[in-house]
Amino acid sequence: MPDGYTYVLSEAASEFAFRLPPAEQKRLAYACRQLTRNPSREGDYATTDTAGRRLQNLLLDDWVLTYWADHAVRELRIIEVVQV
């Protein structure tokens, strides 16, 4: 995949991140940046949103990140982060 993707957090993902301690915020930001290096990465499982878009769900330690790649604008849309 081409370089230059950025990640965008949804409101729900941002609220989750803001509640984390600073060290965990940094860990989450690092994980998101790593995902932008391979925006087409398959998650551990896929789901579909109400618009019919295929969402990837990736288990990272004690979080599940739900995301999709918007290749038209070169963004990785992280729509949900949940603690497991």
C-alpha atoms as a PDB file:
ATOM      1  CA  MET A   1       0.000   0.000   0.000  1.00  0.00           C
ATOM      2  CA  PRO A   2       1.147   3.539  -0.623  1.00  0.00           C
ATOM      3  CA  ASP A   3       2.644   5.601   2.180  1.00  0.00           C
ATOM      4  CA  GLY A   4       0.920   8.585   3.662  1.00  0.00           C
ATOM      5  CA  TYR A   5      -2.170   7.166   5.350  1.00  0.00           C
ATOM      6  CA  THR A   6      -3.313   8.843   8.542  1.00  0.00           C
ATOM      7  CA  TYR A   7      -5.691   7.569  11.167  1.00  0.00           C
ATOM      8  CA  VAL A   8      -8.901   9.245  12.237  1.00  0.00           C
ATOM      9  CA  LEU A   9     -10.696   8.387  15.464  1.00  0.00           C
ATOM     10  CA  SER A  10     -14.467   8.489  15.640  1.00  0.00           C
ATOM     11  CA  GLU A  11     -16.145  10.299  18.506  1.00  0.00           C
ATOM     12  CA  ALA A  12     -16.600   7.000  20.383  1.00  0.00           C
ATOM     13  CA  ALA A  13     -12.961   5.993  19.858  1.00  0.00           C
ATOM     14  CA  SER A  14     -11.769   9.453  20.912  1.00  0.00           C
ATOM     15  CA  GLU A  15     -13.824   9.356  24.105  1.00  0.00           C
ATOM     16  CA  PHE A  16     -12.342   5.947  24.925  1.00  0.00           C
ATOM     17  CA  ALA A  17      -8.811   7.276  24.317  1.00  0.00           C
ATOM     18  CA  PHE A  18      -9.359  10.413  26.439  1.00  0.00           C
ATOM     19  CA  ARG A  19     -10.316   8.252  29.436  1.00  0.00           C
ATOM     20  CA  LEU A  20      -7.050   6.295  29.280  1.00  0.00           C
ATOM     21  CA  PRO A  21      -4.021   7.172  31.408  1.00  0.00           C
ATOM     22  CA  PRO A  22      -1.324   9.031  29.427  1.00  0.00           C
ATOM     23  CA  ALA A  23       0.896   5.966  28.966  1.00  0.00           C
ATOM     24  CA  GLU A  24      -2.045   3.987  27.561  1.00  0.00           C
ATOM     25  CA  GLN A  25      -2.965   6.887  25.263  1.00  0.00           C
ATOM     26  CA  LYS A  26       0.536   6.714  23.825  1.00  0.00           C
ATOM     27  CA  ARG A  27       0.260   2.948  23.393  1.00  0.00           C
ATOM     28  CA  LEU A  28      -3.052   3.351  21.560  1.00  0.00           C
ATOM     29  CA  ALA A  29      -1.653   6.107  19.327  1.00  0.00           C
ATOM     30  CA  TYR A  30       1.324   3.895  18.481  1.00  0.00           C
ATOM     31  CA  ALA A  31      -0.976   0.986  17.596  1.00  0.00           C
ATOM     32  CA  CYS A  32      -3.049   3.258  15.348  1.00  0.00           C
ATOM     33  CA  ARG A  33       0.062   4.585  13.599  1.00  0.00           C
ATOM     34  CA  GLN A  34       1.257   1.038  13.029  1.00  0.00           C
ATOM     35  CA  LEU A  35      -2.054   0.179  11.361  1.00  0.00           C
ATOM     36  CA  THR A  36      -1.608   3.064   8.908  1.00  0.00           C
ATOM     37  CA  ARG A  37       1.510   1.322   7.564  1.00  0.00           C
ATOM     38  CA  ASN A  38      -0.709  -1.445   6.213  1.00  0.00           C
ATOM     39  CA  PRO A  39      -4.230   0.026   5.909  1.00  0.00           C
ATOM     40  CA  SER A  40      -5.543  -3.064   4.128  1.00  0.00           C
ATOM     41  CA  ARG A  41      -4.547  -5.362   6.978  1.00  0.00           C
ATOM     42  CA  GLU A  42      -7.145  -7.982   7.733  1.00  0.00           C
ATOM     43  CA  GLY A  43      -8.282  -8.021  11.331  1.00  0.00           C
ATOM     44  CA  ASP A  44      -8.932 -11.064  13.469  1.00  0.00           C
ATOM     45  CA  TYR A  45     -12.539 -11.008  12.277  1.00  0.00           C
ATOM     46  CA  ALA A  46     -14.750  -8.855  10.088  1.00  0.00           C
ATOM     47  CA  THR A  47     -18.170  -7.333  10.649  1.00  0.00           C
ATOM     48  CA  THR A  48     -20.422  -5.126   8.541  1.00  0.00           C
ATOM     49  CA  ASP A  49     -21.813  -1.723   9.488  1.00  0.00           C
ATOM     50  CA  THR A  50     -25.276  -0.377   8.650  1.00  0.00           C
ATOM     51  CA  ALA A  51     -23.963   1.091   5.376  1.00  0.00           C
ATOM     52  CA  GLY A  52     -22.758  -2.348   4.293  1.00  0.00           C
ATOM     53  CA  ARG A  53     -19.110  -1.426   4.781  1.00  0.00           C
ATOM     54  CA  ARG A  54     -16.760  -4.261   5.804  1.00  0.00           C
ATOM     55  CA  LEU A  55     -15.154  -3.474   9.147  1.00  0.00           C
ATOM     56  CA  GLN A  56     -12.005  -5.108  10.438  1.00  0.00           C
ATOM     57  CA  ASN A  57     -11.751  -5.979  14.128  1.00  0.00           C
ATOM     58  CA  LEU A  58      -8.248  -6.439  15.469  1.00  0.00           C
ATOM     59  CA  LEU A  59      -7.388  -7.755  18.919  1.00  0.00           C
ATOM     60  CA  LEU A  60      -4.384  -5.891  20.328  1.00  0.00           C
ATOM     61  CA  ASP A  61      -3.489  -7.032  23.827  1.00  0.00           C
ATOM     62  CA  ASP A  62      -6.523  -5.979  25.864  1.00  0.00           C
ATOM     63  CA  TRP A  63      -8.287  -3.892  23.197  1.00  0.00           C
ATOM     64  CA  VAL A  64     -10.306  -4.574  20.087  1.00  0.00           C
ATOM     65  CA  LEU A  65      -9.932  -1.882  17.415  1.00  0.00           C
ATOM     66  CA  THR A  66     -12.644  -1.678  14.785  1.00  0.00           C
ATOM     67  CA  TYR A  67     -11.584   0.110  11.608  1.00  0.00           C
ATOM     68  CA  TRP A  68     -11.900   0.451   7.860  1.00  0.00           C
ATOM     69  CA  ALA A  69      -9.584   1.972   5.288  1.00  0.00           C
ATOM     70  CA  ASP A  70     -10.885   4.926   3.276  1.00  0.00           C
ATOM     71  CA  HIS A  71      -8.492   4.617   0.359  1.00  0.00           C
ATOM     72  CA  ALA A  72     -10.013   7.577  -1.501  1.00  0.00           C
ATOM     73  CA  VAL A  73      -8.704   9.993   1.136  1.00  0.00           C
ATOM     74  CA  ARG A  74      -5.890   7.782   2.478  1.00  0.00           C
ATOM     75  CA  GLU A  75      -7.301   7.530   5.982  1.00  0.00           C
ATOM     76  CA  LEU A  76      -7.720   4.645   8.364  1.00  0.00           C
ATOM     77  CA  ARG A  77     -11.039   5.220  10.111  1.00  0.00           C
ATOM     78  CA  ILE A  78     -10.921   3.797  13.622  1.00  0.00           C
ATOM     79  CA  ILE A  79     -14.525   3.739  14.671  1.00  0.00           C
ATOM     80  CA  GLU A  80     -14.401   1.869  17.963  1.00  0.00           C
ATOM     81  CA  VAL A  81     -11.949   0.770  20.615  1.00  0.00           C
ATOM     82  CA  VAL A  82     -13.181  -1.475  23.397  1.00  0.00           C
ATOM     83  CA  GLN A  83     -11.464  -3.020  26.385  1.00  0.00           C
ATOM     84  CA  VAL A  84     -11.641  -6.827  26.527  1.00  0.00           C
END
